[in-house]
Amino acid sequence: AARGGHEAIIKLILKTGKVQVDVKNNLDETPLWLAANGGHEAVVKLLLETGKVDVNFKNIFDWTPLFNAARKGYKAVVKLLLETGKVDVDSKDKLGHTPLWWAAEEGHEAIVKLL
């Protein structure tokens, strides 16, 4: 549901209170990681509002949700993540690159300014 940006389904699942919001798949991707990767602002916001997600969670490549949003140019998602005050903007992936490096590499000027 997070990967596809299905906000209504995420709301229903969260409402049950019986879900682990930081569960990971076989590629070490959490719902927040997947939502950020897809640029699904509303789903990212819902997951952040639970207060139970790790905003600095890294997948098998050491990419965090911020890496995904910065690399793909999802400005609104980057803003939401930064607003938590908990995001490690200097986090490095396995190649030693930061979210700022990825945003610059991909030509996302607005995100470079945010970071």
PDB file of N, CA and C in Angstrom:
ATOM      1  N   ALA A   1       0.822  -1.196   0.000  1.00  0.00           N
ATOM      2  CA  ALA A   1       0.000   0.000   0.000  1.00  0.00           C
ATOM      3  C   ALA A   1       0.869   1.265   0.000  1.00  0.00           C
ATOM      4  N   ALA A   2       1.964   1.234   0.782  1.00  0.00           N
ATOM      5  CA  ALA A   2       2.860   2.392   0.842  1.00  0.00           C
ATOM      6  C   ALA A   2       3.573   2.595  -0.488  1.00  0.00           C
ATOM      7  N   ARG A   3       4.010   1.507  -1.098  1.00  0.00           N
ATOM      8  CA  ARG A   3       4.716   1.590  -2.383  1.00  0.00           C
ATOM      9  C   ARG A   3       3.834   2.229  -3.450  1.00  0.00           C
ATOM     10  N   GLY A   4       2.541   1.903  -3.419  1.00  0.00           N
ATOM     11  CA  GLY A   4       1.616   2.414  -4.420  1.00  0.00           C
ATOM     12  C   GLY A   4       0.979   3.744  -4.064  1.00  0.00           C
ATOM     13  N   GLY A   5       1.258   4.249  -2.858  1.00  0.00           N
ATOM     14  CA  GLY A   5       0.693   5.531  -2.449  1.00  0.00           C
ATOM     15  C   GLY A   5      -0.783   5.472  -2.127  1.00  0.00           C
ATOM     16  N   HIS A   6      -1.252   4.316  -1.664  1.00  0.00           N
ATOM     17  CA  HIS A   6      -2.674   4.123  -1.380  1.00  0.00           C
ATOM     18  C   HIS A   6      -3.030   4.678   0.005  1.00  0.00           C
ATOM     19  N   GLU A   7      -3.276   5.974   0.031  1.00  0.00           N
ATOM     20  CA  GLU A   7      -3.519   6.699   1.276  1.00  0.00           C
ATOM     21  C   GLU A   7      -4.685   6.124   2.070  1.00  0.00           C
ATOM     22  N   ALA A   8      -5.803   5.848   1.422  1.00  0.00           N
ATOM     23  CA  ALA A   8      -6.990   5.345   2.127  1.00  0.00           C
ATOM     24  C   ALA A   8      -6.707   4.004   2.795  1.00  0.00           C
ATOM     25  N   ILE A   9      -5.981   3.144   2.120  1.00  0.00           N
ATOM     26  CA  ILE A   9      -5.658   1.836   2.695  1.00  0.00           C
ATOM     27  C   ILE A   9      -4.710   1.995   3.874  1.00  0.00           C
ATOM     28  N   ILE A  10      -3.732   2.869   3.740  1.00  0.00           N
ATOM     29  CA  ILE A  10      -2.801   3.130   4.845  1.00  0.00           C
ATOM     30  C   ILE A  10      -3.570   3.637   6.060  1.00  0.00           C
ATOM     31  N   LYS A  11      -4.519   4.542   5.845  1.00  0.00           N
ATOM     32  CA  LYS A  11      -5.331   5.054   6.960  1.00  0.00           C
ATOM     33  C   LYS A  11      -6.071   3.925   7.660  1.00  0.00           C
ATOM     34  N   LEU A  12      -6.678   3.036   6.878  1.00  0.00           N
ATOM     35  CA  LEU A  12      -7.413   1.906   7.456  1.00  0.00           C
ATOM     36  C   LEU A  12      -6.494   0.999   8.261  1.00  0.00           C
ATOM     37  N   ILE A  13      -5.343   0.708   7.708  1.00  0.00           N
ATOM     38  CA  ILE A  13      -4.390  -0.169   8.396  1.00  0.00           C
ATOM     39  C   ILE A  13      -3.903   0.470   9.689  1.00  0.00           C
ATOM     40  N   LEU A  14      -3.549   1.745   9.631  1.00  0.00           N
ATOM     41  CA  LEU A  14      -3.059   2.437  10.825  1.00  0.00           C
ATOM     42  C   LEU A  14      -4.138   2.533  11.896  1.00  0.00           C
ATOM     43  N   LYS A  15      -5.376   2.685  11.465  1.00  0.00           N
ATOM     44  CA  LYS A  15      -6.500   2.821  12.395  1.00  0.00           C
ATOM     45  C   LYS A  15      -6.672   1.574  13.267  1.00  0.00           C
ATOM     46  N   THR A  16      -6.292   0.407  12.760  1.00  0.00           N
ATOM     47  CA  THR A  16      -6.435  -0.828  13.535  1.00  0.00           C
ATOM     48  C   THR A  16      -5.518  -0.838  14.746  1.00  0.00           C
ATOM     49  N   GLY A  17      -4.398  -0.131  14.644  1.00  0.00           N
ATOM     50  CA  GLY A  17      -3.435  -0.119  15.739  1.00  0.00           C
ATOM     51  C   GLY A  17      -2.682  -1.435  15.880  1.00  0.00           C
ATOM     52  N   LYS A  18      -2.872  -2.324  14.937  1.00  0.00           N
ATOM     53  CA  LYS A  18      -2.262  -3.656  15.019  1.00  0.00           C
ATOM     54  C   LYS A  18      -1.195  -3.869  13.953  1.00  0.00           C
ATOM     55  N   VAL A  19      -0.519  -2.820  13.609  1.00  0.00           N
ATOM     56  CA  VAL A  19       0.465  -2.921  12.529  1.00  0.00           C
ATOM     57  C   VAL A  19       1.821  -2.394  12.999  1.00  0.00           C
ATOM     58  N   GLN A  20       2.864  -3.059  12.546  1.00  0.00           N
ATOM     59  CA  GLN A  20       4.217  -2.576  12.787  1.00  0.00           C
ATOM     60  C   GLN A  20       4.557  -1.636  11.635  1.00  0.00           C
ATOM     61  N   VAL A  21       4.671  -0.361  11.925  1.00  0.00           N
ATOM     62  CA  VAL A  21       4.881   0.604  10.844  1.00  0.00           C
ATOM     63  C   VAL A  21       6.299   0.584  10.295  1.00  0.00           C
ATOM     64  N   ASP A  22       7.220  -0.048  11.003  1.00  0.00           N
ATOM     65  CA  ASP A  22       8.602  -0.112  10.532  1.00  0.00           C
ATOM     66  C   ASP A  22       9.009  -1.508  10.065  1.00  0.00           C
ATOM     67  N   VAL A  23       8.026  -2.342   9.747  1.00  0.00           N
ATOM     68  CA  VAL A  23       8.341  -3.678   9.240  1.00  0.00           C
ATOM     69  C   VAL A  23       9.090  -3.543   7.919  1.00  0.00           C
ATOM     70  N   LYS A  24      10.043  -4.431   7.674  1.00  0.00           N
ATOM     71  CA  LYS A  24      10.816  -4.318   6.432  1.00  0.00           C
ATOM     72  C   LYS A  24      10.631  -5.553   5.559  1.00  0.00           C
ATOM     73  N   ASN A  25      10.778  -5.335   4.254  1.00  0.00           N
ATOM     74  CA  ASN A  25      10.668  -6.437   3.301  1.00  0.00           C
ATOM     75  C   ASN A  25      12.041  -7.088   3.094  1.00  0.00           C
ATOM     76  N   ASN A  26      12.148  -7.982   2.124  1.00  0.00           N
ATOM     77  CA  ASN A  26      13.400  -8.710   1.898  1.00  0.00           C
ATOM     78  C   ASN A  26      14.543  -7.837   1.376  1.00  0.00           C
ATOM     79  N   LEU A  27      14.248  -6.631   0.943  1.00  0.00           N
ATOM     80  CA  LEU A  27      15.281  -5.697   0.491  1.00  0.00           C
ATOM     81  C   LEU A  27      15.562  -4.623   1.540  1.00  0.00           C
ATOM     82  N   ASP A  28      15.097  -4.880   2.758  1.00  0.00           N
ATOM     83  CA  ASP A  28      15.251  -3.919   3.856  1.00  0.00           C
ATOM     84  C   ASP A  28      14.606  -2.577   3.536  1.00  0.00           C
ATOM     85  N   GLU A  29      13.383  -2.622   3.036  1.00  0.00           N
ATOM     86  CA  GLU A  29      12.620  -1.402   2.746  1.00  0.00           C
ATOM     87  C   GLU A  29      11.410  -1.369   3.674  1.00  0.00           C
ATOM     88  N   THR A  30      11.232  -0.245   4.349  1.00  0.00           N
ATOM     89  CA  THR A  30      10.084  -0.057   5.231  1.00  0.00           C
ATOM     90  C   THR A  30       8.979   0.683   4.472  1.00  0.00           C
ATOM     91  N   PRO A  31       7.768   0.726   5.029  1.00  0.00           N
ATOM     92  CA  PRO A  31       6.704   1.499   4.374  1.00  0.00           C
ATOM     93  C   PRO A  31       7.100   2.966   4.140  1.00  0.00           C
ATOM     94  N   LEU A  32       7.753   3.595   5.118  1.00  0.00           N
ATOM     95  CA  LEU A  32       8.181   4.986   4.929  1.00  0.00           C
ATOM     96  C   LEU A  32       9.203   5.074   3.799  1.00  0.00           C
ATOM     97  N   TRP A  33      10.131   4.156   3.771  1.00  0.00           N
ATOM     98  CA  TRP A  33      11.149   4.121   2.721  1.00  0.00           C
ATOM     99  C   TRP A  33      10.489   4.006   1.350  1.00  0.00           C
ATOM    100  N   LEU A  34       9.519   3.098   1.231  1.00  0.00           N
ATOM    101  CA  LEU A  34       8.825   2.880  -0.041  1.00  0.00           C
ATOM    102  C   LEU A  34       7.981   4.086  -0.450  1.00  0.00           C
ATOM    103  N   ALA A  35       7.294   4.687   0.512  1.00  0.00           N
ATOM    104  CA  ALA A  35       6.462   5.857   0.212  1.00  0.00           C
ATOM    105  C   ALA A  35       7.326   7.031  -0.252  1.00  0.00           C
ATOM    106  N   ALA A  36       8.459   7.240   0.412  1.00  0.00           N
ATOM    107  CA  ALA A  36       9.373   8.315   0.010  1.00  0.00           C
ATOM    108  C   ALA A  36       9.944   8.034  -1.378  1.00  0.00           C
ATOM    109  N   ASN A  37      10.254   6.788  -1.647  1.00  0.00           N
ATOM    110  CA  ASN A  37      10.804   6.390  -2.942  1.00  0.00           C
ATOM    111  C   ASN A  37       9.813   6.643  -4.075  1.00  0.00           C
ATOM    112  N   GLY A  38       8.524   6.543  -3.765  1.00  0.00           N
ATOM    113  CA  GLY A  38       7.497   6.773  -4.774  1.00  0.00           C
ATOM    114  C   GLY A  38       6.983   8.201  -4.812  1.00  0.00           C
ATOM    115  N   GLY A  39       7.474   9.043  -3.898  1.00  0.00           N
ATOM    116  CA  GLY A  39       7.026  10.431  -3.861  1.00  0.00           C
ATOM    117  C   GLY A  39       5.610  10.597  -3.347  1.00  0.00           C
ATOM    118  N   HIS A  40       5.160   9.653  -2.533  1.00  0.00           N
ATOM    119  CA  HIS A  40       3.783   9.663  -2.031  1.00  0.00           C
ATOM    120  C   HIS A  40       3.685  10.501  -0.749  1.00  0.00           C
ATOM    121  N   GLU A  41       3.542  11.794  -0.954  1.00  0.00           N
ATOM    122  CA  GLU A  41       3.556  12.770   0.135  1.00  0.00           C
ATOM    123  C   GLU A  41       2.538  12.453   1.224  1.00  0.00           C
ATOM    124  N   ALA A  42       1.298  12.162   0.846  1.00  0.00           N
ATOM    125  CA  ALA A  42       0.245  11.921   1.838  1.00  0.00           C
ATOM    126  C   ALA A  42       0.552  10.698   2.691  1.00  0.00           C
ATOM    127  N   VAL A  43       1.079   9.655   2.082  1.00  0.00           N
ATOM    128  CA  VAL A  43       1.418   8.437   2.825  1.00  0.00           C
ATOM    129  C   VAL A  43       2.612   8.696   3.740  1.00  0.00           C
ATOM    130  N   VAL A  44       3.606   9.416   3.256  1.00  0.00           N
ATOM    131  CA  VAL A  44       4.756   9.778   4.088  1.00  0.00           C
ATOM    132  C   VAL A  44       4.270  10.536   5.317  1.00  0.00           C
ATOM    133  N   LYS A  45       3.377  11.486   5.101  1.00  0.00           N
ATOM    134  CA  LYS A  45       2.856  12.288   6.211  1.00  0.00           C
ATOM    135  C   LYS A  45       2.124  11.414   7.228  1.00  0.00           C
ATOM    136  N   LEU A  46       1.278  10.517   6.763  1.00  0.00           N
ATOM    137  CA  LEU A  46       0.550   9.619   7.665  1.00  0.00           C
ATOM    138  C   LEU A  46       1.507   8.772   8.498  1.00  0.00           C
ATOM    139  N   LEU A  47       2.510   8.232   7.858  1.00  0.00           N
ATOM    140  CA  LEU A  47       3.467   7.386   8.570  1.00  0.00           C
ATOM    141  C   LEU A  47       4.286   8.187   9.572  1.00  0.00           C
ATOM    142  N   LEU A  48       4.692   9.388   9.194  1.00  0.00           N
ATOM    143  CA  LEU A  48       5.440  10.241  10.122  1.00  0.00           C
ATOM    144  C   LEU A  48       4.593  10.610  11.334  1.00  0.00           C
ATOM    145  N   GLU A  49       3.314  10.832  11.114  1.00  0.00           N
ATOM    146  CA  GLU A  49       2.413  11.224  12.203  1.00  0.00           C
ATOM    147  C   GLU A  49       2.259  10.138  13.265  1.00  0.00           C
ATOM    148  N   THR A  50       2.579   8.895  12.936  1.00  0.00           N
ATOM    149  CA  THR A  50       2.487   7.827  13.941  1.00  0.00           C
ATOM    150  C   THR A  50       3.551   7.998  15.012  1.00  0.00           C
ATOM    151  N   GLY A  51       4.650   8.657  14.659  1.00  0.00           N
ATOM    152  CA  GLY A  51       5.754   8.811  15.598  1.00  0.00           C
ATOM    153  C   GLY A  51       6.514   7.513  15.835  1.00  0.00           C
ATOM    154  N   LYS A  52       6.206   6.494  15.053  1.00  0.00           N
ATOM    155  CA  LYS A  52       6.805   5.173  15.271  1.00  0.00           C
ATOM    156  C   LYS A  52       7.702   4.716  14.123  1.00  0.00           C
ATOM    157  N   VAL A  53       8.053   5.628  13.242  1.00  0.00           N
ATOM    158  CA  VAL A  53       8.898   5.254  12.106  1.00  0.00           C
ATOM    159  C   VAL A  53      10.316   5.788  12.302  1.00  0.00           C
ATOM    160  N   ASP A  54      11.265   5.047  11.801  1.00  0.00           N
ATOM    161  CA  ASP A  54      12.663   5.457  11.846  1.00  0.00           C
ATOM    162  C   ASP A  54      12.967   6.223  10.561  1.00  0.00           C
ATOM    163  N   VAL A  55      13.082   7.531  10.668  1.00  0.00           N
ATOM    164  CA  VAL A  55      13.302   8.360   9.475  1.00  0.00           C
ATOM    165  C   VAL A  55      14.693   8.171   8.876  1.00  0.00           C
ATOM    166  N   ASN A  56      15.585   7.550   9.631  1.00  0.00           N
ATOM    167  CA  ASN A  56      16.948   7.326   9.154  1.00  0.00           C
ATOM    168  C   ASN A  56      17.227   5.866   8.806  1.00  0.00           C
ATOM    169  N   PHE A  57      16.169   5.087   8.672  1.00  0.00           N
ATOM    170  CA  PHE A  57      16.325   3.675   8.341  1.00  0.00           C
ATOM    171  C   PHE A  57      17.015   3.525   6.988  1.00  0.00           C
ATOM    172  N   LYS A  58      17.980   2.613   6.907  1.00  0.00           N
ATOM    173  CA  LYS A  58      18.725   2.399   5.661  1.00  0.00           C
ATOM    174  C   LYS A  58      18.397   1.037   5.060  1.00  0.00           C
ATOM    175  N   ASN A  59      18.281   1.018   3.741  1.00  0.00           N
ATOM    176  CA  ASN A  59      18.051  -0.249   3.045  1.00  0.00           C
ATOM    177  C   ASN A  59      19.396  -0.931   2.773  1.00  0.00           C
ATOM    178  N   ILE A  60      19.395  -1.919   1.906  1.00  0.00           N
ATOM    179  CA  ILE A  60      20.619  -2.677   1.645  1.00  0.00           C
ATOM    180  C   ILE A  60      21.722  -1.844   0.985  1.00  0.00           C
ATOM    181  N   PHE A  61      21.374  -0.714   0.409  1.00  0.00           N
ATOM    182  CA  PHE A  61      22.362   0.182  -0.203  1.00  0.00           C
ATOM    183  C   PHE A  61      22.722   1.347   0.724  1.00  0.00           C
ATOM    184  N   ASP A  62      22.181   1.317   1.941  1.00  0.00           N
ATOM    185  CA  ASP A  62      22.344   2.400   2.923  1.00  0.00           C
ATOM    186  C   ASP A  62      21.640   3.682   2.500  1.00  0.00           C
ATOM    187  N   TRP A  63      20.570   3.539   1.724  1.00  0.00           N
ATOM    188  CA  TRP A  63      19.756   4.695   1.362  1.00  0.00           C
ATOM    189  C   TRP A  63      18.635   4.853   2.375  1.00  0.00           C
ATOM    190  N   THR A  64      18.448   6.074   2.840  1.00  0.00           N
ATOM    191  CA  THR A  64      17.359   6.405   3.758  1.00  0.00           C
ATOM    192  C   THR A  64      16.180   6.945   2.945  1.00  0.00           C
ATOM    193  N   PRO A  65      15.030   7.158   3.588  1.00  0.00           N
ATOM    194  CA  PRO A  65      13.921   7.791   2.870  1.00  0.00           C
ATOM    195  C   PRO A  65      14.325   9.143   2.254  1.00  0.00           C
ATOM    196  N   LEU A  66      15.183   9.893   2.947  1.00  0.00           N
ATOM    197  CA  LEU A  66      15.630  11.183   2.412  1.00  0.00           C
ATOM    198  C   LEU A  66      16.442  11.001   1.126  1.00  0.00           C
ATOM    199  N   PHE A  67      17.259   9.975   1.067  1.00  0.00           N
ATOM    200  CA  PHE A  67      18.011   9.692  -0.163  1.00  0.00           C
ATOM    201  C   PHE A  67      17.055   9.549  -1.337  1.00  0.00           C
ATOM    202  N   ASN A  68      16.019   8.747  -1.131  1.00  0.00           N
ATOM    203  CA  ASN A  68      15.064   8.485  -2.209  1.00  0.00           C
ATOM    204  C   ASN A  68      14.407   9.762  -2.701  1.00  0.00           C
ATOM    205  N   ALA A  69      13.879  10.528  -1.765  1.00  0.00           N
ATOM    206  CA  ALA A  69      13.160  11.750  -2.127  1.00  0.00           C
ATOM    207  C   ALA A  69      14.089  12.773  -2.778  1.00  0.00           C
ATOM    208  N   ALA A  70      15.297  12.911  -2.243  1.00  0.00           N
ATOM    209  CA  ALA A  70      16.257  13.873  -2.795  1.00  0.00           C
ATOM    210  C   ALA A  70      16.712  13.450  -4.185  1.00  0.00           C
ATOM    211  N   ARG A  71      16.990  12.181  -4.353  1.00  0.00           N
ATOM    212  CA  ARG A  71      17.492  11.653  -5.629  1.00  0.00           C
ATOM    213  C   ARG A  71      16.454  11.765  -6.737  1.00  0.00           C
ATOM    214  N   LYS A  72      15.188  11.597  -6.356  1.00  0.00           N
ATOM    215  CA  LYS A  72      14.128  11.601  -7.364  1.00  0.00           C
ATOM    216  C   LYS A  72      13.433  12.955  -7.523  1.00  0.00           C
ATOM    217  N   GLY A  73      13.796  13.926  -6.685  1.00  0.00           N
ATOM    218  CA  GLY A  73      13.250  15.266  -6.849  1.00  0.00           C
ATOM    219  C   GLY A  73      11.901  15.503  -6.201  1.00  0.00           C
ATOM    220  N   TYR A  74      11.578  14.749  -5.172  1.00  0.00           N
ATOM    221  CA  TYR A  74      10.289  14.901  -4.490  1.00  0.00           C
ATOM    222  C   TYR A  74      10.405  15.942  -3.370  1.00  0.00           C
ATOM    223  N   LYS A  75      10.287  17.195  -3.761  1.00  0.00           N
ATOM    224  CA  LYS A  75      10.498  18.314  -2.840  1.00  0.00           C
ATOM    225  C   LYS A  75       9.572  18.265  -1.629  1.00  0.00           C
ATOM    226  N   ALA A  76       8.291  17.989  -1.838  1.00  0.00           N
ATOM    227  CA  ALA A  76       7.337  17.967  -0.722  1.00  0.00           C
ATOM    228  C   ALA A  76       7.696  16.882   0.286  1.00  0.00           C
ATOM    229  N   VAL A  77       8.149  15.744  -0.202  1.00  0.00           N
ATOM    230  CA  VAL A  77       8.546  14.650   0.690  1.00  0.00           C
ATOM    231  C   VAL A  77       9.821  15.025   1.444  1.00  0.00           C
ATOM    232  N   VAL A  78      10.773  15.633   0.760  1.00  0.00           N
ATOM    233  CA  VAL A  78      11.998  16.096   1.417  1.00  0.00           C
ATOM    234  C   VAL A  78      11.640  17.050   2.547  1.00  0.00           C
ATOM    235  N   LYS A  79      10.740  17.995   2.278  1.00  0.00           N
ATOM    236  CA  LYS A  79      10.321  18.959   3.303  1.00  0.00           C
ATOM    237  C   LYS A  79       9.713  18.260   4.512  1.00  0.00           C
ATOM    238  N   LEU A  80       8.813  17.311   4.271  1.00  0.00           N
ATOM    239  CA  LEU A  80       8.187  16.579   5.376  1.00  0.00           C
ATOM    240  C   LEU A  80       9.233  15.872   6.233  1.00  0.00           C
ATOM    241  N   LEU A  81      10.171  15.237   5.593  1.00  0.00           N
ATOM    242  CA  LEU A  81      11.212  14.523   6.332  1.00  0.00           C
ATOM    243  C   LEU A  81      12.079  15.490   7.132  1.00  0.00           C
ATOM    244  N   LEU A  82      12.462  16.601   6.522  1.00  0.00           N
ATOM    245  CA  LEU A  82      13.287  17.592   7.219  1.00  0.00           C
ATOM    246  C   LEU A  82      12.552  18.209   8.398  1.00  0.00           C
ATOM    247  N   GLU A  83      11.247  18.399   8.254  1.00  0.00           N
ATOM    248  CA  GLU A  83      10.445  19.013   9.319  1.00  0.00           C
ATOM    249  C   GLU A  83      10.387  18.165  10.584  1.00  0.00           C
ATOM    250  N   THR A  84      10.718  16.890  10.492  1.00  0.00           N
ATOM    251  CA  THR A  84      10.725  16.050  11.696  1.00  0.00           C
ATOM    252  C   THR A  84      11.845  16.465  12.638  1.00  0.00           C
ATOM    253  N   GLY A  85      12.878  17.092  12.093  1.00  0.00           N
ATOM    254  CA  GLY A  85      14.029  17.472  12.904  1.00  0.00           C
ATOM    255  C   GLY A  85      14.888  16.285  13.311  1.00  0.00           C
ATOM    256  N   LYS A  86      14.575  15.120  12.790  1.00  0.00           N
ATOM    257  CA  LYS A  86      15.291  13.898  13.176  1.00  0.00           C
ATOM    258  C   LYS A  86      16.118  13.300  12.043  1.00  0.00           C
ATOM    259  N   VAL A  87      16.015  13.867  10.868  1.00  0.00           N
ATOM    260  CA  VAL A  87      16.676  13.297   9.697  1.00  0.00           C
ATOM    261  C   VAL A  87      18.166  13.632   9.705  1.00  0.00           C
ATOM    262  N   ASP A  88      18.975  12.624   9.451  1.00  0.00           N
ATOM    263  CA  ASP A  88      20.416  12.818   9.320  1.00  0.00           C
ATOM    264  C   ASP A  88      20.711  13.213   7.872  1.00  0.00           C
ATOM    265  N   VAL A  89      20.845  14.506   7.629  1.00  0.00           N
ATOM    266  CA  VAL A  89      21.064  14.990   6.258  1.00  0.00           C
ATOM    267  C   VAL A  89      22.463  14.658   5.748  1.00  0.00           C
ATOM    268  N   ASP A  90      23.359  14.307   6.654  1.00  0.00           N
ATOM    269  CA  ASP A  90      24.731  13.984   6.267  1.00  0.00           C
ATOM    270  C   ASP A  90      24.986  12.481   6.176  1.00  0.00           C
ATOM    271  N   SER A  91      23.932  11.706   6.244  1.00  0.00           N
ATOM    272  CA  SER A  91      24.051  10.255   6.138  1.00  0.00           C
ATOM    273  C   SER A  91      24.694   9.891   4.799  1.00  0.00           C
ATOM    274  N   LYS A  92      25.493   8.831   4.797  1.00  0.00           N
ATOM    275  CA  LYS A  92      26.175   8.417   3.566  1.00  0.00           C
ATOM    276  C   LYS A  92      25.758   7.007   3.169  1.00  0.00           C
ATOM    277  N   ASP A  93      25.651   6.806   1.862  1.00  0.00           N
ATOM    278  CA  ASP A  93      25.335   5.471   1.355  1.00  0.00           C
ATOM    279  C   ASP A  93      26.629   4.659   1.222  1.00  0.00           C
ATOM    280  N   LYS A  94      26.518   3.471   0.668  1.00  0.00           N
ATOM    281  CA  LYS A  94      27.684   2.584   0.559  1.00  0.00           C
ATOM    282  C   LYS A  94      28.783   3.143  -0.337  1.00  0.00           C
ATOM    283  N   LEU A  95      28.437   4.106  -1.173  1.00  0.00           N
ATOM    284  CA  LEU A  95      29.428   4.738  -2.046  1.00  0.00           C
ATOM    285  C   LEU A  95      29.993   6.021  -1.445  1.00  0.00           C
ATOM    286  N   GLY A  96      29.498   6.391  -0.257  1.00  0.00           N
ATOM    287  CA  GLY A  96      29.967   7.601   0.403  1.00  0.00           C
ATOM    288  C   GLY A  96      29.223   8.859  -0.004  1.00  0.00           C
ATOM    289  N   HIS A  97      28.108   8.700  -0.719  1.00  0.00           N
ATOM    290  CA  HIS A  97      27.335   9.853  -1.180  1.00  0.00           C
ATOM    291  C   HIS A  97      26.236  10.215  -0.180  1.00  0.00           C
ATOM    292  N   THR A  98      25.938  11.501  -0.099  1.00  0.00           N
ATOM    293  CA  THR A  98      24.888  12.020   0.779  1.00  0.00           C
ATOM    294  C   THR A  98      23.637  12.341  -0.038  1.00  0.00           C
ATOM    295  N   PRO A  99      22.506  12.606   0.636  1.00  0.00           N
ATOM    296  CA  PRO A  99      21.313  13.039  -0.097  1.00  0.00           C
ATOM    297  C   PRO A  99      21.579  14.308  -0.926  1.00  0.00           C
ATOM    298  N   LEU A 100      22.372  15.223  -0.385  1.00  0.00           N
ATOM    299  CA  LEU A 100      22.717  16.439  -1.130  1.00  0.00           C
ATOM    300  C   LEU A 100      23.457  16.085  -2.420  1.00  0.00           C
ATOM    301  N   TRP A 101      24.394  15.173  -2.342  1.00  0.00           N
ATOM    302  CA  TRP A 101      25.130  14.751  -3.535  1.00  0.00           C
ATOM    303  C   TRP A 101      24.175  14.206  -4.582  1.00  0.00           C
ATOM    304  N   TRP A 102      23.248  13.337  -4.142  1.00  0.00           N
ATOM    305  CA  TRP A 102      22.297  12.744  -5.087  1.00  0.00           C
ATOM    306  C   TRP A 102      21.395  13.799  -5.723  1.00  0.00           C
ATOM    307  N   ALA A 103      20.917  14.748  -4.916  1.00  0.00           N
ATOM    308  CA  ALA A 103      20.054  15.808  -5.459  1.00  0.00           C
ATOM    309  C   ALA A 103      20.806  16.621  -6.505  1.00  0.00           C
ATOM    310  N   ALA A 104      22.064  16.949  -6.212  1.00  0.00           N
ATOM    311  CA  ALA A 104      22.881  17.710  -7.160  1.00  0.00           C
ATOM    312  C   ALA A 104      23.164  16.884  -8.413  1.00  0.00           C
ATOM    313  N   GLU A 105      23.501  15.630  -8.231  1.00  0.00           N
ATOM    314  CA  GLU A 105      23.811  14.735  -9.354  1.00  0.00           C
ATOM    315  C   GLU A 105      22.630  14.613 -10.314  1.00  0.00           C
ATOM    316  N   GLU A 106      21.426  14.599  -9.751  1.00  0.00           N
ATOM    317  CA  GLU A 106      20.216  14.440 -10.561  1.00  0.00           C
ATOM    318  C   GLU A 106      19.631  15.777 -11.030  1.00  0.00           C
ATOM    319  N   GLY A 107      20.256  16.892 -10.626  1.00  0.00           N
ATOM    320  CA  GLY A 107      19.835  18.203 -11.109  1.00  0.00           C
ATOM    321  C   GLY A 107      18.619  18.797 -10.424  1.00  0.00           C
ATOM    322  N   HIS A 108      18.391  18.424  -9.175  1.00  0.00           N
ATOM    323  CA  HIS A 108      17.222  18.926  -8.443  1.00  0.00           C
ATOM    324  C   HIS A 108      17.610  20.149  -7.599  1.00  0.00           C
ATOM    325  N   GLU A 109      17.642  21.296  -8.261  1.00  0.00           N
ATOM    326  CA  GLU A 109      18.106  22.539  -7.635  1.00  0.00           C
ATOM    327  C   GLU A 109      17.310  22.912  -6.391  1.00  0.00           C
ATOM    328  N   ALA A 110      15.989  22.773  -6.447  1.00  0.00           N
ATOM    329  CA  ALA A 110      15.152  23.146  -5.300  1.00  0.00           C
ATOM    330  C   ALA A 110      15.494  22.303  -4.073  1.00  0.00           C
ATOM    331  N   ILE A 111      15.817  21.062  -4.291  1.00  0.00           N
ATOM    332  CA  ILE A 111      16.160  20.182  -3.172  1.00  0.00           C
ATOM    333  C   ILE A 111      17.562  20.480  -2.662  1.00  0.00           C
ATOM    334  N   VAL A 112      18.471  20.798  -3.559  1.00  0.00           N
ATOM    335  CA  VAL A 112      19.814  21.203  -3.140  1.00  0.00           C
ATOM    336  C   VAL A 112      19.704  22.393  -2.198  1.00  0.00           C
ATOM    337  N   LYS A 113      18.839  23.345  -2.519  1.00  0.00           N
ATOM    338  CA  LYS A 113      18.649  24.525  -1.660  1.00  0.00           C
ATOM    339  C   LYS A 113      18.091  24.141  -0.293  1.00  0.00           C
ATOM    340  N   LEU A 114      17.201  23.163  -0.255  1.00  0.00           N
ATOM    341  CA  LEU A 114      16.625  22.720   1.020  1.00  0.00           C
ATOM    342  C   LEU A 114      17.656  22.033   1.908  1.00  0.00           C
ATOM    343  N   LEU A 115      18.526  21.278   1.277  1.00  0.00           N
ATOM    344  CA  LEU A 115      19.504  20.500   2.040  1.00  0.00           C
ATOM    345  C   LEU A 115      20.724  21.326   2.400  1.00  0.00           C
TER     346      LEU A 115
END
